[in-house]
N, C-alpha and C. Protein backbone atom coordinates (compact mmCIF):
# COMPACT_ATOMS: atom_id res chain seq x y z
N MET A 1 32.88 -72.43 -186.82
CA MET A 1 33.59 -73.21 -187.83
C MET A 1 33.73 -72.41 -189.12
N ALA A 2 34.84 -72.60 -189.77
CA ALA A 2 35.07 -71.92 -191.04
C ALA A 2 34.58 -72.78 -192.20
N ILE A 3 34.07 -72.11 -193.22
CA ILE A 3 33.61 -72.81 -194.42
C ILE A 3 34.83 -73.05 -195.30
N ASP A 4 35.04 -74.32 -195.64
CA ASP A 4 36.18 -74.72 -196.46
C ASP A 4 35.91 -74.44 -197.93
N LYS A 5 34.76 -74.91 -198.44
CA LYS A 5 34.43 -74.77 -199.86
C LYS A 5 32.93 -74.65 -200.04
N LEU A 6 32.56 -74.08 -201.17
CA LEU A 6 31.17 -74.08 -201.61
C LEU A 6 31.16 -74.87 -202.92
N ILE A 7 30.42 -75.97 -202.93
CA ILE A 7 30.43 -76.89 -204.06
C ILE A 7 29.05 -76.95 -204.70
N LEU A 8 28.99 -76.70 -206.00
CA LEU A 8 27.73 -76.84 -206.75
C LEU A 8 27.63 -78.27 -207.24
N ARG A 9 26.56 -78.96 -206.84
CA ARG A 9 26.32 -80.32 -207.33
C ARG A 9 26.02 -80.25 -208.82
N PRO A 10 26.21 -81.35 -209.56
CA PRO A 10 26.01 -81.33 -211.02
C PRO A 10 24.64 -80.82 -211.46
N ASN A 11 23.57 -81.25 -210.78
CA ASN A 11 22.23 -80.79 -211.21
C ASN A 11 22.04 -79.30 -210.93
N ALA A 12 22.64 -78.77 -209.88
CA ALA A 12 22.56 -77.33 -209.59
C ALA A 12 23.32 -76.53 -210.64
N LYS A 13 24.49 -77.03 -211.01
CA LYS A 13 25.29 -76.36 -212.03
C LYS A 13 24.56 -76.37 -213.38
N LEU A 14 23.97 -77.52 -213.71
CA LEU A 14 23.22 -77.64 -214.97
C LEU A 14 22.03 -76.69 -214.99
N ARG A 15 21.27 -76.65 -213.89
CA ARG A 15 20.11 -75.77 -213.81
C ARG A 15 20.54 -74.31 -213.93
N PHE A 16 21.62 -73.94 -213.25
CA PHE A 16 22.13 -72.57 -213.33
C PHE A 16 22.48 -72.20 -214.77
N LEU A 17 23.19 -73.08 -215.46
CA LEU A 17 23.59 -72.80 -216.84
C LEU A 17 22.38 -72.71 -217.78
N GLU A 18 21.36 -73.55 -217.54
CA GLU A 18 20.14 -73.49 -218.36
C GLU A 18 19.43 -72.15 -218.18
N VAL A 19 19.28 -71.73 -216.93
CA VAL A 19 18.59 -70.47 -216.65
C VAL A 19 19.41 -69.29 -217.16
N LEU A 20 20.72 -69.35 -216.98
CA LEU A 20 21.59 -68.29 -217.48
C LEU A 20 21.46 -68.16 -218.99
N ALA A 21 21.45 -69.28 -219.70
CA ALA A 21 21.28 -69.26 -221.16
C ALA A 21 19.92 -68.68 -221.55
N PHE A 22 18.88 -69.05 -220.80
CA PHE A 22 17.53 -68.53 -221.07
C PHE A 22 17.50 -67.01 -220.96
N TYR A 23 18.03 -66.48 -219.85
CA TYR A 23 18.01 -65.03 -219.66
C TYR A 23 18.94 -64.32 -220.64
N THR A 24 20.07 -64.93 -220.98
CA THR A 24 21.00 -64.33 -221.94
C THR A 24 20.39 -64.27 -223.33
N ASP A 25 19.60 -65.29 -223.70
CA ASP A 25 18.92 -65.28 -225.00
C ASP A 25 17.91 -64.13 -225.09
N ILE A 26 17.28 -63.83 -223.98
CA ILE A 26 16.32 -62.71 -223.96
C ILE A 26 17.07 -61.39 -224.08
N ASP A 27 18.09 -61.23 -223.24
CA ASP A 27 18.89 -60.00 -223.25
C ASP A 27 20.21 -60.30 -222.54
N GLU A 28 21.31 -59.93 -223.17
CA GLU A 28 22.63 -60.20 -222.59
C GLU A 28 22.78 -59.55 -221.22
N ASN A 29 22.23 -58.36 -221.08
CA ASN A 29 22.29 -57.65 -219.80
C ASN A 29 21.51 -58.40 -218.71
N LEU A 30 20.39 -58.98 -219.10
CA LEU A 30 19.57 -59.74 -218.15
C LEU A 30 20.33 -60.97 -217.66
N GLY A 31 21.02 -61.66 -218.58
CA GLY A 31 21.84 -62.81 -218.20
C GLY A 31 22.96 -62.42 -217.25
N ARG A 32 23.59 -61.29 -217.53
CA ARG A 32 24.66 -60.81 -216.66
C ARG A 32 24.13 -60.49 -215.27
N ARG A 33 22.95 -59.85 -215.21
CA ARG A 33 22.35 -59.51 -213.91
C ARG A 33 21.98 -60.77 -213.12
N PHE A 34 21.45 -61.79 -213.83
CA PHE A 34 21.12 -63.05 -213.15
C PHE A 34 22.38 -63.69 -212.58
N ASN A 35 23.44 -63.72 -213.37
CA ASN A 35 24.71 -64.30 -212.93
C ASN A 35 25.24 -63.57 -211.69
N GLU A 36 25.20 -62.25 -211.72
CA GLU A 36 25.66 -61.45 -210.57
C GLU A 36 24.83 -61.73 -209.33
N GLN A 37 23.51 -61.85 -209.52
CA GLN A 37 22.61 -62.09 -208.40
C GLN A 37 22.88 -63.45 -207.75
N VAL A 38 23.09 -64.48 -208.57
CA VAL A 38 23.38 -65.81 -208.03
C VAL A 38 24.74 -65.82 -207.34
N GLU A 39 25.74 -65.18 -207.95
CA GLU A 39 27.07 -65.10 -207.32
C GLU A 39 26.99 -64.40 -205.97
N LYS A 40 26.22 -63.33 -205.91
CA LYS A 40 26.05 -62.59 -204.66
C LYS A 40 25.43 -63.50 -203.58
N CYS A 41 24.41 -64.27 -203.96
CA CYS A 41 23.77 -65.19 -203.02
C CYS A 41 24.74 -66.28 -202.57
N LEU A 42 25.50 -66.83 -203.51
CA LEU A 42 26.45 -67.89 -203.16
C LEU A 42 27.54 -67.37 -202.22
N ASN A 43 28.02 -66.16 -202.45
CA ASN A 43 29.01 -65.57 -201.54
C ASN A 43 28.40 -65.33 -200.16
N TYR A 44 27.16 -64.89 -200.13
CA TYR A 44 26.48 -64.65 -198.86
C TYR A 44 26.28 -65.96 -198.10
N ILE A 45 25.92 -67.02 -198.84
CA ILE A 45 25.76 -68.34 -198.22
C ILE A 45 27.09 -68.81 -197.64
N LYS A 46 28.17 -68.62 -198.40
CA LYS A 46 29.49 -69.06 -197.93
C LYS A 46 29.91 -68.29 -196.67
N ASP A 47 29.60 -67.00 -196.63
CA ASP A 47 29.97 -66.18 -195.47
C ASP A 47 29.05 -66.42 -194.27
N ASN A 48 27.78 -66.75 -194.52
CA ASN A 48 26.78 -66.90 -193.46
C ASN A 48 25.91 -68.13 -193.70
N PRO A 49 26.46 -69.33 -193.66
CA PRO A 49 25.69 -70.52 -194.06
C PRO A 49 24.50 -70.84 -193.17
N TYR A 50 24.55 -70.45 -191.91
CA TYR A 50 23.46 -70.80 -190.99
C TYR A 50 22.41 -69.69 -190.87
N LEU A 51 22.57 -68.64 -191.63
CA LEU A 51 21.63 -67.52 -191.56
C LEU A 51 20.26 -67.87 -192.15
N PHE A 52 20.25 -68.72 -193.16
CA PHE A 52 19.01 -69.03 -193.87
C PHE A 52 18.31 -70.21 -193.24
N ARG A 53 16.97 -70.19 -193.35
CA ARG A 53 16.16 -71.19 -192.65
C ARG A 53 16.23 -72.56 -193.32
N LYS A 54 15.98 -73.58 -192.50
CA LYS A 54 15.86 -74.94 -193.01
C LYS A 54 14.45 -75.11 -193.57
N CYS A 55 14.35 -75.78 -194.71
CA CYS A 55 13.02 -75.98 -195.31
C CYS A 55 12.66 -77.45 -195.42
N TYR A 56 13.62 -78.33 -195.63
CA TYR A 56 13.39 -79.78 -195.72
C TYR A 56 14.52 -80.47 -194.98
N GLY A 57 14.27 -80.93 -193.78
CA GLY A 57 15.34 -81.59 -193.01
C GLY A 57 16.50 -80.64 -192.78
N GLU A 58 17.67 -81.00 -193.29
CA GLU A 58 18.86 -80.17 -193.14
C GLU A 58 19.08 -79.24 -194.33
N ILE A 59 18.18 -79.26 -195.29
CA ILE A 59 18.32 -78.43 -196.49
C ILE A 59 17.85 -77.00 -196.18
N ARG A 60 18.72 -76.05 -196.48
CA ARG A 60 18.42 -74.64 -196.28
C ARG A 60 18.13 -73.98 -197.62
N VAL A 61 17.50 -72.81 -197.57
CA VAL A 61 17.14 -72.12 -198.81
C VAL A 61 17.48 -70.64 -198.72
N CYS A 62 18.03 -70.12 -199.82
CA CYS A 62 18.33 -68.70 -199.96
C CYS A 62 17.66 -68.24 -201.26
N TYR A 63 16.91 -67.15 -201.17
CA TYR A 63 16.19 -66.64 -202.34
C TYR A 63 16.97 -65.49 -202.98
N THR A 64 17.00 -65.49 -204.31
CA THR A 64 17.62 -64.36 -205.00
C THR A 64 16.73 -63.14 -204.83
N LYS A 65 17.34 -61.98 -204.89
CA LYS A 65 16.59 -60.75 -204.59
C LYS A 65 15.66 -60.32 -205.73
N THR A 66 16.14 -60.35 -206.96
CA THR A 66 15.35 -59.80 -208.06
C THR A 66 14.83 -60.85 -209.04
N PHE A 67 15.29 -62.06 -208.95
CA PHE A 67 14.82 -63.13 -209.84
C PHE A 67 14.07 -64.17 -209.01
N PRO A 68 13.08 -64.82 -209.58
CA PRO A 68 12.27 -65.78 -208.81
C PRO A 68 12.93 -67.15 -208.68
N TYR A 69 14.12 -67.19 -208.08
CA TYR A 69 14.84 -68.45 -207.93
C TYR A 69 15.28 -68.62 -206.48
N ALA A 70 15.34 -69.89 -206.08
CA ALA A 70 15.80 -70.25 -204.74
C ALA A 70 16.99 -71.19 -204.86
N ILE A 71 17.95 -71.00 -203.99
CA ILE A 71 19.15 -71.84 -203.96
C ILE A 71 19.02 -72.75 -202.74
N PHE A 72 18.99 -74.06 -202.98
CA PHE A 72 18.86 -75.06 -201.92
C PHE A 72 20.24 -75.63 -201.63
N TYR A 73 20.61 -75.68 -200.34
CA TYR A 73 21.95 -76.14 -199.99
C TYR A 73 21.96 -76.80 -198.62
N ILE A 74 23.03 -77.54 -198.37
CA ILE A 74 23.26 -78.14 -197.05
C ILE A 74 24.67 -77.79 -196.60
N VAL A 75 24.86 -77.81 -195.30
CA VAL A 75 26.18 -77.56 -194.71
C VAL A 75 26.61 -78.85 -194.04
N LYS A 76 27.80 -79.34 -194.40
CA LYS A 76 28.30 -80.59 -193.83
C LYS A 76 29.70 -80.37 -193.26
N PHE A 77 29.94 -81.01 -192.12
CA PHE A 77 31.24 -80.98 -191.49
C PHE A 77 32.12 -82.07 -192.10
N THR A 78 33.36 -81.72 -192.46
CA THR A 78 34.30 -82.72 -192.98
C THR A 78 35.39 -82.96 -191.95
N PRO A 79 35.41 -84.17 -191.37
CA PRO A 79 36.39 -84.47 -190.32
C PRO A 79 37.84 -84.37 -190.79
N LYS A 80 38.08 -84.65 -192.07
CA LYS A 80 39.44 -84.63 -192.60
C LYS A 80 40.06 -83.24 -192.50
N THR A 81 39.30 -82.21 -192.85
CA THR A 81 39.82 -80.85 -192.83
C THR A 81 39.42 -80.08 -191.57
N LEU A 82 38.53 -80.67 -190.78
CA LEU A 82 37.97 -80.02 -189.59
C LEU A 82 37.27 -78.70 -189.94
N LYS A 83 36.71 -78.67 -191.12
CA LYS A 83 35.97 -77.49 -191.57
C LYS A 83 34.64 -77.93 -192.14
N GLU A 84 33.80 -76.94 -192.41
CA GLU A 84 32.49 -77.23 -192.98
C GLU A 84 32.49 -76.88 -194.46
N ARG A 85 31.68 -77.63 -195.21
CA ARG A 85 31.52 -77.38 -196.63
C ARG A 85 30.05 -77.13 -196.93
N VAL A 86 29.81 -76.26 -197.89
CA VAL A 86 28.46 -75.98 -198.35
C VAL A 86 28.27 -76.68 -199.68
N TYR A 87 27.21 -77.49 -199.78
CA TYR A 87 26.88 -78.18 -201.02
C TYR A 87 25.58 -77.59 -201.55
N VAL A 88 25.65 -76.95 -202.72
CA VAL A 88 24.45 -76.41 -203.36
C VAL A 88 23.81 -77.56 -204.11
N ILE A 89 22.60 -77.92 -203.69
CA ILE A 89 21.90 -79.08 -204.23
C ILE A 89 21.15 -78.74 -205.50
N ASN A 90 20.46 -77.60 -205.50
CA ASN A 90 19.67 -77.24 -206.67
C ASN A 90 19.35 -75.75 -206.66
N ILE A 91 19.02 -75.24 -207.85
CA ILE A 91 18.55 -73.88 -208.02
C ILE A 91 17.22 -73.99 -208.75
N LEU A 92 16.14 -73.61 -208.08
CA LEU A 92 14.80 -73.83 -208.64
C LEU A 92 14.00 -72.54 -208.73
N HIS A 93 13.12 -72.50 -209.70
CA HIS A 93 12.19 -71.38 -209.89
C HIS A 93 11.16 -71.43 -208.75
N THR A 94 10.88 -70.30 -208.14
CA THR A 94 9.99 -70.29 -206.97
C THR A 94 8.51 -70.31 -207.33
N LYS A 95 8.16 -70.02 -208.56
CA LYS A 95 6.75 -69.96 -208.94
C LYS A 95 6.22 -71.28 -209.49
N ARG A 96 7.08 -72.25 -209.66
CA ARG A 96 6.64 -73.55 -210.17
C ARG A 96 6.34 -74.47 -209.01
N LYS A 97 5.45 -75.42 -209.23
CA LYS A 97 5.05 -76.34 -208.16
C LYS A 97 5.92 -77.59 -208.16
N ILE A 98 7.22 -77.38 -208.05
CA ILE A 98 8.17 -78.49 -207.99
C ILE A 98 8.68 -78.55 -206.55
N ARG A 99 8.46 -79.67 -205.90
CA ARG A 99 8.98 -79.84 -204.55
C ARG A 99 10.30 -80.56 -204.64
N TYR A 100 11.26 -80.06 -203.90
CA TYR A 100 12.55 -80.72 -203.88
C TYR A 100 12.48 -81.92 -202.95
N ARG A 101 12.97 -83.05 -203.43
CA ARG A 101 13.06 -84.24 -202.59
C ARG A 101 14.51 -84.66 -202.51
N ASN A 102 14.94 -84.99 -201.34
CA ASN A 102 16.30 -85.47 -201.14
C ASN A 102 16.31 -86.97 -201.36
N ASN A 103 16.68 -87.41 -202.56
CA ASN A 103 16.68 -88.85 -202.89
C ASN A 103 17.96 -89.50 -202.50
């Protein structure tokens, strides 16, 4: 199946912008590198959505290479387009003790 779209949920987009602002405040170059790293992961997820392991039910996780962040996402089939869509649920720091719950 072909991936139709990759959609960032509002909380994932908000978290990404918060972290991007944090790294940019430290150093503009650091913010740019974080942005590139997340974009690279998102493109890889879109190209290979089933490559990454499931961690909570149908939720999969992809880790950034140089920053301690994980991208949590699900893949859903849309009958209308007969294609699959990737929904990025959240972007979380890997060193914090926050468990993602699908509410």
